[in-house]
Structure formats: C-alpha cells, structure tokens
Amino acid sequence: MHIHEIFSRHKTTFSFEFMPPKSDSEAEALTQTVQKLEALKPTFVSVTYGAGGSTRQRTHDLVVRLKHETTCDPVPHLTCVCHSAAEIEAILTRYAQQGISNLMALGGDIPRSRPGYDRSEDAYRYGSELVKAIVEFNQRGIHPHPLGFGIGVAGYPDGHPATPNKLKEMDYLKAKVDEGAHYIVTQLFFDNRSFYDFRDRCELAGIHVPIIAGIMPVLSEQSMISMANMALGVRYPAGFIKAIRRCGGDEPFERRVGIQWATEQCRDLLDNHVAGIHFYTFNRSKATSEIYANLGVKDSLGLTEPTLTR
C-alpha cells in the first residue's frame, strides 16, 4: 500500500524496523520475532540495508519474504553509498517487480569494511539526490502502482552529527522533501521536547509531510552506551540517566525503567497527535509487545484509551 493510502486510512501508524540476519541462527530468531510482532498488525515494517555488499542480498531476500509470506507491508531501506546509477536502477526495478510499495531513501555511511572509500565513485552522494532518482523512476511508469514508490527519508530531532550548522541541517531535510519525499521517520530520541521542537522547525521550514517518531527502549545501562555509539548525536535526558543509575546495575530493574520511559514517551506522543510511531526492535519482540500492552494499543487499525501500567 502506497504511503499516501496508508496515511489516509490510519490516524496513527505503528511500525517496526528489522535488520537482515547475518547467519542461519539469526534468521531463525528473526522468524520468531516477525511471527510475534506480526500479531500486533503493524501498519508497515522497515528493513535496514548494508552498503558495500555486506547485507544487500539478505535485505532483498527478507523484504521479499515479508511481502509474500506474511501480512506485513515491508519498506526496504536504500542508501547512496557504494552504488552506481545502474545498480540503483536494478534494485528499484526488482522491488517494483515484487510489488514493494514504499522505500526509505538514505544517504548512508561508508561501511567499516571499506575504509577510505572514495564517495566520488557513487552516482548519488546525498539523500536528496537519491529521492530525485526514485521520483524519476516513478515517472517512467515501471512500478505497477500508478504513484510508483512512496518515499521516506530520515530526520534527526537531536541533530545530525555530520551537520553542526542546524539551520543548514533543516535546509538539507527540506531539499529531500522538495525533491519528492512523502514522509519522514526520525532517528531515535529520548526527550519528546526534542521531537516537538523538530516538528515545529519543520513547519517553519515549509516541510509539511507526516513525521513518524522513532522510538527505541533502553533495556540496560550498557545498551545506552551502545546506542550512543550507534546513533551519534542522540541525547539522554538527565532524568532518564538518574532513573537508570538508581537501579544500581540491576539489569531487570534497568529494563523496567527503560520500558516505562518508552511507554511514557509513546503515550505523550499519541496525546500530541503524532503521525506515527516507529519502533527500532533490534530484531526482538518482547519490549515492543510490552509497550503495546502498556499503551492499550489493540492493533494498528485503532486505539483503545491509553492505560499505563504503573
């Protein structure tokens, strides 16, 4: 279903992000996660992408499997890094032939396996250029849907680490929307005030597409450190750090604090009319399922009144 149709049918979207498995054991674990989260009837699911060939085929295989073997509507990520124009064209054609409705167009990072890679070899350097290429593909009528691919792009409530100038950062985001992006999914954040400020700045910049909030529950103090390394620029509020440290290193209590914090974030976002909530699952189902239960979310087609577990 094209993203325009999704937003016309759903007051609030609920979506999950999966990563392609790197081994047979990971594939089996992911199968179990998908089965459990599929029961929550997500609006769509996204699949991350490894540049430089690291997980390209695994991403494609997982996307096709989700499309044809589950009720999930998969949204594959696609990055500029390590791609010629012909390679991008081939990927778009394959996804169009499989009936994939939407994509996430990303600039991407140079893979660790290719240090010193020369980006001048890439056909597209910035997300806005990739969005433009997808729009041009859509205009050629290759995709079976008359609107072609729906296009999502990334936003950064706590700021993009590669763009210290925050005014320029918003200009770059607007360029992606002006080229034809249909919606924005944010990087994870832990203070909703950052999201609301980001949403207001988008409005001031003339960005008027739906903005989906990215949420990832912290399950231990160690995972906080890992997330900070992975999502450069993400900020932890002092109140959250204090709450985690009060657990004294007891991981079950840290996990409980993390679930409650994410639940409160989601409750507040729903109360403030967020377009959607996107859960970064790390291929695990339990935390997301618990947050759903805490919120009283029956499925992605509607909400009961939020009922928090204290």
C-alpha atoms as a PDB file:
ATOM      1  CA  MET A   1       0.000   0.000   0.000  1.00  0.00           C
ATOM      2  CA  HIS A   2       1.428   3.383  -1.033  1.00  0.00           C
ATOM      3  CA  ILE A   3       2.264   5.634   1.894  1.00  0.00           C
ATOM      4  CA  HIS A   4      -0.391   8.153   0.812  1.00  0.00           C
ATOM      5  CA  GLU A   5      -3.017   5.429   1.156  1.00  0.00           C
ATOM      6  CA  ILE A   6      -1.576   4.349   4.500  1.00  0.00           C
ATOM      7  CA  PHE A   7      -1.879   7.821   6.000  1.00  0.00           C
ATOM      8  CA  SER A   8      -5.355   8.293   4.553  1.00  0.00           C
ATOM      9  CA  ARG A   9      -6.525   5.111   6.318  1.00  0.00           C
ATOM     10  CA  HIS A  10      -4.669   5.378   9.617  1.00  0.00           C
ATOM     11  CA  LYS A  11      -4.922   8.197  12.115  1.00  0.00           C
ATOM     12  CA  THR A  12      -1.670   6.974  13.650  1.00  0.00           C
ATOM     13  CA  THR A  13       0.737   4.475  12.124  1.00  0.00           C
ATOM     14  CA  PHE A  14       2.606   1.865  14.156  1.00  0.00           C
ATOM     15  CA  SER A  15       5.633   0.294  12.518  1.00  0.00           C
ATOM     16  CA  PHE A  16       8.674  -1.836  13.323  1.00  0.00           C
ATOM     17  CA  GLU A  17      12.216  -1.958  11.979  1.00  0.00           C
ATOM     18  CA  PHE A  18      14.051  -5.215  11.317  1.00  0.00           C
ATOM     19  CA  MET A  19      17.641  -5.922  10.338  1.00  0.00           C
ATOM     20  CA  PRO A  20      18.559  -8.631   7.810  1.00  0.00           C
ATOM     21  CA  PRO A  21      20.040 -11.672   9.591  1.00  0.00           C
ATOM     22  CA  LYS A  22      23.743 -12.391   9.218  1.00  0.00           C
ATOM     23  CA  SER A  23      23.576 -16.120   9.959  1.00  0.00           C
ATOM     24  CA  ASP A  24      21.170 -19.063   9.987  1.00  0.00           C
ATOM     25  CA  SER A  25      20.737 -18.800  13.763  1.00  0.00           C
ATOM     26  CA  GLU A  26      19.895 -15.106  13.467  1.00  0.00           C
ATOM     27  CA  ALA A  27      17.466 -15.936  10.674  1.00  0.00           C
ATOM     28  CA  GLU A  28      15.614 -18.391  12.910  1.00  0.00           C
ATOM     29  CA  ALA A  29      15.447 -15.870  15.761  1.00  0.00           C
ATOM     30  CA  LEU A  30      14.143 -13.209  13.383  1.00  0.00           C
ATOM     31  CA  THR A  31      11.462 -15.577  12.105  1.00  0.00           C
ATOM     32  CA  GLN A  32      10.162 -15.948  15.656  1.00  0.00           C
ATOM     33  CA  THR A  33      10.279 -12.162  16.199  1.00  0.00           C
ATOM     34  CA  VAL A  34       8.365 -11.484  12.993  1.00  0.00           C
ATOM     35  CA  GLN A  35       5.702 -14.026  13.937  1.00  0.00           C
ATOM     36  CA  LYS A  36       5.171 -12.405  17.332  1.00  0.00           C
ATOM     37  CA  LEU A  37       5.135  -8.824  16.068  1.00  0.00           C
ATOM     38  CA  GLU A  38       3.005  -9.666  13.036  1.00  0.00           C
ATOM     39  CA  ALA A  39       0.231 -10.484  15.503  1.00  0.00           C
ATOM     40  CA  LEU A  40       0.244  -6.808  16.550  1.00  0.00           C
ATOM     41  CA  LYS A  41      -0.803  -5.887  12.991  1.00  0.00           C
ATOM     42  CA  PRO A  42       1.779  -3.166  12.271  1.00  0.00           C
ATOM     43  CA  THR A  43       0.933  -0.598   9.626  1.00  0.00           C
ATOM     44  CA  PHE A  44       4.223  -1.435   7.927  1.00  0.00           C
ATOM     45  CA  VAL A  45       7.707  -2.736   8.750  1.00  0.00           C
ATOM     46  CA  SER A  46      11.056  -1.465   7.506  1.00  0.00           C
ATOM     47  CA  VAL A  47      14.207  -3.424   6.710  1.00  0.00           C
ATOM     48  CA  THR A  48      17.682  -1.919   7.105  1.00  0.00           C
ATOM     49  CA  TYR A  49      20.328  -2.104   4.418  1.00  0.00           C
ATOM     50  CA  GLY A  50      24.026  -2.868   4.423  1.00  0.00           C
ATOM     51  CA  ALA A  51      26.043  -0.800   1.975  1.00  0.00           C
ATOM     52  CA  GLY A  52      29.027  -2.121   0.104  1.00  0.00           C
ATOM     53  CA  GLY A  53      27.519  -5.557  -0.384  1.00  0.00           C
ATOM     54  CA  SER A  54      27.536  -6.549   3.291  1.00  0.00           C
ATOM     55  CA  THR A  55      23.818  -7.389   3.515  1.00  0.00           C
ATOM     56  CA  ARG A  56      22.389  -6.242   0.172  1.00  0.00           C
ATOM     57  CA  GLN A  57      21.089  -9.648  -0.861  1.00  0.00           C
ATOM     58  CA  ARG A  58      19.918 -10.505   2.639  1.00  0.00           C
ATOM     59  CA  THR A  59      17.914  -7.270   2.735  1.00  0.00           C
ATOM     60  CA  HIS A  60      16.282  -8.082  -0.594  1.00  0.00           C
ATOM     61  CA  ASP A  61      15.542 -11.670   0.454  1.00  0.00           C
ATOM     62  CA  LEU A  62      13.989 -10.569   3.758  1.00  0.00           C
ATOM     63  CA  VAL A  63      11.873  -7.893   2.069  1.00  0.00           C
ATOM     64  CA  VAL A  64      10.516 -10.358  -0.492  1.00  0.00           C
ATOM     65  CA  ARG A  65       9.834 -12.935   2.190  1.00  0.00           C
ATOM     66  CA  LEU A  66       7.931 -10.438   4.329  1.00  0.00           C
ATOM     67  CA  LYS A  67       5.949  -9.331   1.295  1.00  0.00           C
ATOM     68  CA  HIS A  68       4.877 -12.791   0.162  1.00  0.00           C
ATOM     69  CA  GLU A  69       4.891 -14.911   3.319  1.00  0.00           C
ATOM     70  CA  THR A  70       3.463 -12.559   5.968  1.00  0.00           C
ATOM     71  CA  THR A  71       0.786  -9.899   6.324  1.00  0.00           C
ATOM     72  CA  CYS A  72       3.489  -7.258   6.917  1.00  0.00           C
ATOM     73  CA  ASP A  73       3.965  -4.449   4.387  1.00  0.00           C
ATOM     74  CA  PRO A  74       7.781  -4.171   4.025  1.00  0.00           C
ATOM     75  CA  VAL A  75       9.607  -0.882   3.416  1.00  0.00           C
ATOM     76  CA  PRO A  76      13.247  -1.549   2.423  1.00  0.00           C
ATOM     77  CA  HIS A  77      15.977   0.949   3.153  1.00  0.00           C
ATOM     78  CA  LEU A  78      18.137   2.059   0.223  1.00  0.00           C
ATOM     79  CA  THR A  79      21.349   4.082   0.527  1.00  0.00           C
ATOM     80  CA  CYS A  80      23.517   6.052  -1.852  1.00  0.00           C
ATOM     81  CA  VAL A  81      26.822   4.652  -0.628  1.00  0.00           C
ATOM     82  CA  CYS A  82      28.765   2.284  -2.902  1.00  0.00           C
ATOM     83  CA  HIS A  83      26.197   2.388  -5.705  1.00  0.00           C
ATOM     84  CA  SER A  84      26.281   3.286  -9.372  1.00  0.00           C
ATOM     85  CA  ALA A  85      23.181   4.659 -11.093  1.00  0.00           C
ATOM     86  CA  ALA A  86      22.752   1.314 -12.864  1.00  0.00           C
ATOM     87  CA  GLU A  87      22.814  -0.568  -9.546  1.00  0.00           C
ATOM     88  CA  ILE A  88      20.176   1.721  -8.051  1.00  0.00           C
ATOM     89  CA  GLU A  89      18.053   1.278 -11.179  1.00  0.00           C
ATOM     90  CA  ALA A  90      18.344  -2.510 -10.909  1.00  0.00           C
ATOM     91  CA  ILE A  91      17.335  -2.506  -7.239  1.00  0.00           C
ATOM     92  CA  LEU A  92      14.329  -0.274  -7.920  1.00  0.00           C
ATOM     93  CA  THR A  93      13.255  -2.480 -10.807  1.00  0.00           C
ATOM     94  CA  ARG A  94      13.482  -5.643  -8.689  1.00  0.00           C
ATOM     95  CA  TYR A  95      11.431  -4.117  -5.891  1.00  0.00           C
ATOM     96  CA  ALA A  96       8.857  -2.778  -8.364  1.00  0.00           C
ATOM     97  CA  GLN A  97       8.503  -6.234  -9.897  1.00  0.00           C
ATOM     98  CA  GLN A  98       7.896  -7.693  -6.428  1.00  0.00           C
ATOM     99  CA  GLY A  99       5.165  -5.127  -5.721  1.00  0.00           C
ATOM    100  CA  ILE A 100       7.045  -3.311  -2.962  1.00  0.00           C
ATOM    101  CA  SER A 101       5.136  -0.094  -2.332  1.00  0.00           C
ATOM    102  CA  ASN A 102       7.497   2.156  -0.368  1.00  0.00           C
ATOM    103  CA  LEU A 103      11.199   2.818   0.243  1.00  0.00           C
ATOM    104  CA  MET A 104      13.368   4.652   2.761  1.00  0.00           C
ATOM    105  CA  ALA A 105      15.905   6.767   0.819  1.00  0.00           C
ATOM    106  CA  LEU A 106      19.050   7.400   2.863  1.00  0.00           C
ATOM    107  CA  GLY A 107      22.447   8.938   2.318  1.00  0.00           C
ATOM    108  CA  GLY A 108      24.097   6.109   4.233  1.00  0.00           C
ATOM    109  CA  ASP A 109      27.501   5.665   5.860  1.00  0.00           C
ATOM    110  CA  ILE A 110      30.671   4.224   4.409  1.00  0.00           C
ATOM    111  CA  PRO A 111      30.860   0.569   5.541  1.00  0.00           C
ATOM    112  CA  ARG A 112      33.580  -0.312   8.008  1.00  0.00           C
ATOM    113  CA  SER A 113      34.784  -2.981   5.619  1.00  0.00           C
ATOM    114  CA  ARG A 114      35.744  -0.289   3.084  1.00  0.00           C
ATOM    115  CA  PRO A 115      37.822   2.328   4.939  1.00  0.00           C
ATOM    116  CA  GLY A 116      38.947   5.209   2.762  1.00  0.00           C
ATOM    117  CA  TYR A 117      36.235   4.565   0.190  1.00  0.00           C
ATOM    118  CA  ASP A 118      36.054   7.378  -2.382  1.00  0.00           C
ATOM    119  CA  ARG A 119      32.474   8.706  -2.463  1.00  0.00           C
ATOM    120  CA  SER A 120      33.162  10.351  -5.827  1.00  0.00           C
ATOM    121  CA  GLU A 121      32.580   6.889  -7.331  1.00  0.00           C
ATOM    122  CA  ASP A 122      28.950   6.947  -6.145  1.00  0.00           C
ATOM    123  CA  ALA A 123      26.230   8.118  -8.520  1.00  0.00           C
ATOM    124  CA  TYR A 124      24.429   9.912  -5.700  1.00  0.00           C
ATOM    125  CA  ARG A 125      26.036  11.423  -2.658  1.00  0.00           C
ATOM    126  CA  TYR A 126      23.087  12.862  -0.752  1.00  0.00           C
ATOM    127  CA  GLY A 127      19.663  11.608   0.193  1.00  0.00           C
ATOM    128  CA  SER A 128      18.021  14.351  -1.858  1.00  0.00           C
ATOM    129  CA  GLU A 129      19.749  13.045  -4.992  1.00  0.00           C
ATOM    130  CA  LEU A 130      18.521   9.517  -4.308  1.00  0.00           C
ATOM    131  CA  VAL A 131      14.977  10.798  -3.765  1.00  0.00           C
ATOM    132  CA  LYS A 132      15.161  12.588  -7.114  1.00  0.00           C
ATOM    133  CA  ALA A 133      16.334   9.377  -8.822  1.00  0.00           C
ATOM    134  CA  ILE A 134      13.426   7.403  -7.337  1.00  0.00           C
ATOM    135  CA  VAL A 135      10.935  10.080  -8.430  1.00  0.00           C
ATOM    136  CA  GLU A 136      12.344   9.907 -11.963  1.00  0.00           C
ATOM    137  CA  PHE A 137      11.998   6.116 -11.852  1.00  0.00           C
ATOM    138  CA  ASN A 138       8.367   6.528 -10.747  1.00  0.00           C
ATOM    139  CA  GLN A 139       7.678   8.880 -13.646  1.00  0.00           C
ATOM    140  CA  ARG A 140       8.700   6.234 -16.161  1.00  0.00           C
ATOM    141  CA  GLY A 141       5.732   4.061 -15.140  1.00  0.00           C
ATOM    142  CA  ILE A 142       7.759   0.930 -14.374  1.00  0.00           C
ATOM    143  CA  HIS A 143       6.141   0.415 -10.970  1.00  0.00           C
ATOM    144  CA  PRO A 144       2.724  -1.324 -11.087  1.00  0.00           C
ATOM    145  CA  HIS A 145       1.196   1.280  -8.759  1.00  0.00           C
ATOM    146  CA  PRO A 146       0.238   4.492 -10.590  1.00  0.00           C
ATOM    147  CA  LEU A 147       2.024   6.578  -7.942  1.00  0.00           C
ATOM    148  CA  GLY A 148       5.153   4.439  -8.038  1.00  0.00           C
ATOM    149  CA  PHE A 149       7.164   4.088  -4.822  1.00  0.00           C
ATOM    150  CA  GLY A 150       6.255   6.023  -1.715  1.00  0.00           C
ATOM    151  CA  ILE A 151       9.448   7.632  -0.426  1.00  0.00           C
ATOM    152  CA  GLY A 152      10.514   8.077   3.191  1.00  0.00           C
ATOM    153  CA  VAL A 153      13.548   9.977   4.454  1.00  0.00           C
ATOM    154  CA  ALA A 154      15.298  10.345   7.805  1.00  0.00           C
ATOM    155  CA  GLY A 155      15.020  13.226  10.270  1.00  0.00           C
ATOM    156  CA  TYR A 156      17.124  13.938  13.359  1.00  0.00           C
ATOM    157  CA  PRO A 157      15.405  15.562  16.363  1.00  0.00           C
ATOM    158  CA  ASP A 158      18.682  15.700  18.317  1.00  0.00           C
ATOM    159  CA  GLY A 159      20.609  16.872  15.255  1.00  0.00           C
ATOM    160  CA  HIS A 160      22.602  15.131  12.540  1.00  0.00           C
ATOM    161  CA  PRO A 161      26.192  14.558  13.745  1.00  0.00           C
ATOM    162  CA  ALA A 162      27.640  15.444  10.333  1.00  0.00           C
ATOM    163  CA  THR A 163      25.891  18.837  10.207  1.00  0.00           C
ATOM    164  CA  PRO A 164      26.883  21.122  13.101  1.00  0.00           C
ATOM    165  CA  ASN A 165      25.031  24.027  11.456  1.00  0.00           C
ATOM    166  CA  LYS A 166      21.437  23.293  12.479  1.00  0.00           C
ATOM    167  CA  LEU A 167      19.947  25.808  10.043  1.00  0.00           C
ATOM    168  CA  LYS A 168      21.695  24.025   7.179  1.00  0.00           C
ATOM    169  CA  GLU A 169      20.506  20.712   8.571  1.00  0.00           C
ATOM    170  CA  MET A 170      16.892  21.788   8.091  1.00  0.00           C
ATOM    171  CA  ASP A 171      17.712  23.048   4.600  1.00  0.00           C
ATOM    172  CA  TYR A 172      19.037  19.595   3.699  1.00  0.00           C
ATOM    173  CA  LEU A 173      15.889  17.927   5.028  1.00  0.00           C
ATOM    174  CA  LYS A 174      13.690  20.332   3.076  1.00  0.00           C
ATOM    175  CA  ALA A 175      15.693  19.560  -0.078  1.00  0.00           C
ATOM    176  CA  LYS A 176      14.735  15.890   0.285  1.00  0.00           C
ATOM    177  CA  VAL A 177      11.074  16.769   0.687  1.00  0.00           C
ATOM    178  CA  ASP A 178      11.190  19.258  -2.186  1.00  0.00           C
ATOM    179  CA  GLU A 179      12.611  16.516  -4.421  1.00  0.00           C
ATOM    180  CA  GLY A 180       9.584  14.355  -3.684  1.00  0.00           C
ATOM    181  CA  ALA A 181       9.857  12.595  -0.306  1.00  0.00           C
ATOM    182  CA  HIS A 182       6.434  11.728   1.096  1.00  0.00           C
ATOM    183  CA  TYR A 183       7.180  11.261   4.796  1.00  0.00           C
ATOM    184  CA  ILE A 184       9.890  11.459   7.458  1.00  0.00           C
ATOM    185  CA  VAL A 185      10.945   8.858  10.029  1.00  0.00           C
ATOM    186  CA  THR A 186      13.091  10.246  12.842  1.00  0.00           C
ATOM    187  CA  GLN A 187      16.202   8.905  14.434  1.00  0.00           C
ATOM    188  CA  LEU A 188      15.594   7.614  17.958  1.00  0.00           C
ATOM    189  CA  PHE A 189      15.285  10.199  20.734  1.00  0.00           C
ATOM    190  CA  PHE A 190      14.587  10.086  24.474  1.00  0.00           C
ATOM    191  CA  ASP A 191      13.172  13.540  25.192  1.00  0.00           C
ATOM    192  CA  ASN A 192       9.884  14.327  23.462  1.00  0.00           C
ATOM    193  CA  ARG A 193      10.619  18.019  23.648  1.00  0.00           C
ATOM    194  CA  SER A 194      13.328  17.402  21.045  1.00  0.00           C
ATOM    195  CA  PHE A 195      10.736  15.827  18.749  1.00  0.00           C
ATOM    196  CA  TYR A 196       8.182  18.603  19.201  1.00  0.00           C
ATOM    197  CA  ASP A 197      10.820  21.249  18.571  1.00  0.00           C
ATOM    198  CA  PHE A 198      11.931  19.345  15.475  1.00  0.00           C
ATOM    199  CA  ARG A 199       8.342  19.146  14.263  1.00  0.00           C
ATOM    200  CA  ASP A 200       7.901  22.907  14.802  1.00  0.00           C
ATOM    201  CA  ARG A 201      11.150  23.663  12.958  1.00  0.00           C
ATOM    202  CA  CYS A 202       9.941  21.546  10.048  1.00  0.00           C
ATOM    203  CA  GLU A 203       6.756  23.599   9.937  1.00  0.00           C
ATOM    204  CA  LEU A 204       8.751  26.839   9.947  1.00  0.00           C
ATOM    205  CA  ALA A 205      10.931  25.493   7.113  1.00  0.00           C
ATOM    206  CA  GLY A 206       7.894  24.726   4.961  1.00  0.00           C
ATOM    207  CA  ILE A 207       8.069  20.949   5.454  1.00  0.00           C
ATOM    208  CA  HIS A 208       4.512  19.635   5.537  1.00  0.00           C
ATOM    209  CA  VAL A 209       4.780  15.852   5.213  1.00  0.00           C
ATOM    210  CA  PRO A 210       3.905  13.367   8.001  1.00  0.00           C
ATOM    211  CA  ILE A 211       6.648  12.900  10.598  1.00  0.00           C
ATOM    212  CA  ILE A 212       6.892   9.482  12.272  1.00  0.00           C
ATOM    213  CA  ALA A 213       8.661   9.332  15.643  1.00  0.00           C
ATOM    214  CA  GLY A 214      11.423   6.748  16.091  1.00  0.00           C
ATOM    215  CA  ILE A 215      11.401   5.015  19.499  1.00  0.00           C
ATOM    216  CA  MET A 216      13.859   2.527  20.962  1.00  0.00           C
ATOM    217  CA  PRO A 217      13.505   1.315  24.573  1.00  0.00           C
ATOM    218  CA  VAL A 218      16.729   1.169  26.582  1.00  0.00           C
ATOM    219  CA  LEU A 219      16.985  -2.192  28.313  1.00  0.00           C
ATOM    220  CA  SER A 220      20.218  -1.705  30.275  1.00  0.00           C
ATOM    221  CA  GLU A 221      22.806   0.937  31.099  1.00  0.00           C
ATOM    222  CA  GLN A 222      25.247  -0.873  28.821  1.00  0.00           C
ATOM    223  CA  SER A 223      22.793  -0.635  25.933  1.00  0.00           C
ATOM    224  CA  MET A 224      22.663   3.147  26.486  1.00  0.00           C
ATOM    225  CA  ILE A 225      26.374   3.295  25.693  1.00  0.00           C
ATOM    226  CA  SER A 226      25.946   1.096  22.631  1.00  0.00           C
ATOM    227  CA  MET A 227      23.097   3.255  21.328  1.00  0.00           C
ATOM    228  CA  ALA A 228      25.102   6.425  21.858  1.00  0.00           C
ATOM    229  CA  ASN A 229      27.893   4.946  19.723  1.00  0.00           C
ATOM    230  CA  MET A 230      25.465   3.786  17.058  1.00  0.00           C
ATOM    231  CA  ALA A 231      23.220   6.871  16.881  1.00  0.00           C
ATOM    232  CA  LEU A 232      25.766   9.664  17.136  1.00  0.00           C
ATOM    233  CA  GLY A 233      24.209  12.844  18.452  1.00  0.00           C
ATOM    234  CA  VAL A 234      21.430  11.180  20.436  1.00  0.00           C
ATOM    235  CA  ARG A 235      20.922  12.822  23.841  1.00  0.00           C
ATOM    236  CA  TYR A 236      19.825  11.173  27.074  1.00  0.00           C
ATOM    237  CA  PRO A 237      17.843  13.447  29.424  1.00  0.00           C
ATOM    238  CA  ALA A 238      19.306  13.822  32.919  1.00  0.00           C
ATOM    239  CA  GLY A 239      16.113  12.441  34.452  1.00  0.00           C
ATOM    240  CA  PHE A 240      16.431   9.247  32.463  1.00  0.00           C
ATOM    241  CA  ILE A 241      20.097   8.802  33.362  1.00  0.00           C
ATOM    242  CA  LYS A 242      19.232   9.263  37.055  1.00  0.00           C
ATOM    243  CA  ALA A 243      16.432   6.696  36.812  1.00  0.00           C
ATOM    244  CA  ILE A 244      18.719   4.116  35.207  1.00  0.00           C
ATOM    245  CA  ARG A 245      21.512   4.728  37.729  1.00  0.00           C
ATOM    246  CA  ARG A 246      19.119   4.319  40.656  1.00  0.00           C
ATOM    247  CA  CYS A 247      18.847   0.680  39.581  1.00  0.00           C
ATOM    248  CA  GLY A 248      22.404   0.122  40.798  1.00  0.00           C
ATOM    249  CA  GLY A 249      23.367  -2.067  37.869  1.00  0.00           C
ATOM    250  CA  ASP A 250      20.443  -4.455  38.342  1.00  0.00           C
ATOM    251  CA  GLU A 251      19.509  -5.216  34.729  1.00  0.00           C
ATOM    252  CA  PRO A 252      15.916  -6.401  35.347  1.00  0.00           C
ATOM    253  CA  PHE A 253      15.204  -3.082  37.070  1.00  0.00           C
ATOM    254  CA  GLU A 254      17.034  -1.151  34.344  1.00  0.00           C
ATOM    255  CA  ARG A 255      14.876  -2.911  31.787  1.00  0.00           C
ATOM    256  CA  ARG A 256      11.715  -1.996  33.690  1.00  0.00           C
ATOM    257  CA  VAL A 257      12.768   1.661  33.780  1.00  0.00           C
ATOM    258  CA  GLY A 258      13.545   1.620  30.051  1.00  0.00           C
ATOM    259  CA  ILE A 259      10.176   0.092  29.148  1.00  0.00           C
ATOM    260  CA  GLN A 260       8.329   2.581  31.344  1.00  0.00           C
ATOM    261  CA  TRP A 261      10.251   5.538  29.864  1.00  0.00           C
ATOM    262  CA  ALA A 262       9.477   4.444  26.299  1.00  0.00           C
ATOM    263  CA  THR A 263       5.833   3.844  27.242  1.00  0.00           C
ATOM    264  CA  GLU A 264       5.545   7.375  28.640  1.00  0.00           C
ATOM    265  CA  GLN A 265       7.189   8.758  25.512  1.00  0.00           C
ATOM    266  CA  CYS A 266       4.657   6.972  23.309  1.00  0.00           C
ATOM    267  CA  ARG A 267       1.689   7.964  25.467  1.00  0.00           C
ATOM    268  CA  ASP A 268       2.717  11.612  25.300  1.00  0.00           C
ATOM    269  CA  LEU A 269       3.332  11.421  21.543  1.00  0.00           C
ATOM    270  CA  LEU A 270      -0.118   9.954  20.990  1.00  0.00           C
ATOM    271  CA  ASP A 271      -1.678  12.659  23.154  1.00  0.00           C
ATOM    272  CA  ASN A 272       0.094  15.239  20.985  1.00  0.00           C
ATOM    273  CA  HIS A 273      -1.156  13.834  17.678  1.00  0.00           C
ATOM    274  CA  VAL A 274       1.987  12.197  16.335  1.00  0.00           C
ATOM    275  CA  ALA A 275       1.574  10.905  12.769  1.00  0.00           C
ATOM    276  CA  GLY A 276       3.127   7.573  13.679  1.00  0.00           C
ATOM    277  CA  ILE A 277       5.463   5.674  15.999  1.00  0.00           C
ATOM    278  CA  HIS A 278       8.281   3.567  14.573  1.00  0.00           C
ATOM    279  CA  PHE A 279       9.896   1.032  16.921  1.00  0.00           C
ATOM    280  CA  TYR A 280      13.552   0.130  16.448  1.00  0.00           C
ATOM    281  CA  THR A 281      13.280  -3.504  17.523  1.00  0.00           C
ATOM    282  CA  PHE A 282      16.832  -4.834  17.032  1.00  0.00           C
ATOM    283  CA  ASN A 283      15.026  -7.989  15.867  1.00  0.00           C
ATOM    284  CA  ARG A 284      13.469  -8.590  19.293  1.00  0.00           C
ATOM    285  CA  SER A 285       9.766  -8.613  20.062  1.00  0.00           C
ATOM    286  CA  LYS A 286       9.273  -8.631  23.822  1.00  0.00           C
ATOM    287  CA  ALA A 287       9.949  -4.958  24.656  1.00  0.00           C
ATOM    288  CA  THR A 288       7.781  -3.671  21.808  1.00  0.00           C
ATOM    289  CA  SER A 289       4.966  -6.039  22.757  1.00  0.00           C
ATOM    290  CA  GLU A 290       5.124  -4.845  26.368  1.00  0.00           C
ATOM    291  CA  ILE A 291       4.919  -1.204  25.318  1.00  0.00           C
ATOM    292  CA  TYR A 292       1.896  -2.010  23.144  1.00  0.00           C
ATOM    293  CA  ALA A 293       0.219  -3.668  26.123  1.00  0.00           C
ATOM    294  CA  ASN A 294       1.025  -0.733  28.406  1.00  0.00           C
ATOM    295  CA  LEU A 295      -0.476   1.711  25.940  1.00  0.00           C
ATOM    296  CA  GLY A 296      -3.586  -0.317  25.301  1.00  0.00           C
ATOM    297  CA  VAL A 297      -2.856  -0.493  21.595  1.00  0.00           C
ATOM    298  CA  LYS A 298      -5.075  -3.213  20.144  1.00  0.00           C
ATOM    299  CA  ASP A 299      -3.573  -3.080  16.666  1.00  0.00           C
ATOM    300  CA  SER A 300      -2.555  -0.538  14.056  1.00  0.00           C
ATOM    301  CA  LEU A 301      -6.158  -0.068  12.925  1.00  0.00           C
ATOM    302  CA  GLY A 302      -7.189   1.717  16.114  1.00  0.00           C
ATOM    303  CA  LEU A 303      -6.520   2.575  19.720  1.00  0.00           C
ATOM    304  CA  THR A 304      -8.212   1.967  22.989  1.00  0.00           C
ATOM    305  CA  GLU A 305      -7.782   4.652  25.607  1.00  0.00           C
ATOM    306  CA  PRO A 306      -4.138   4.586  26.802  1.00  0.00           C
ATOM    307  CA  THR A 307      -3.859   2.601  30.020  1.00  0.00           C
ATOM    308  CA  LEU A 308      -0.416   2.762  31.547  1.00  0.00           C
ATOM    309  CA  THR A 309       0.980   0.052  33.757  1.00  0.00           C
ATOM    310  CA  ARG A 310       2.437   1.691  36.841  1.00  0.00           C
END
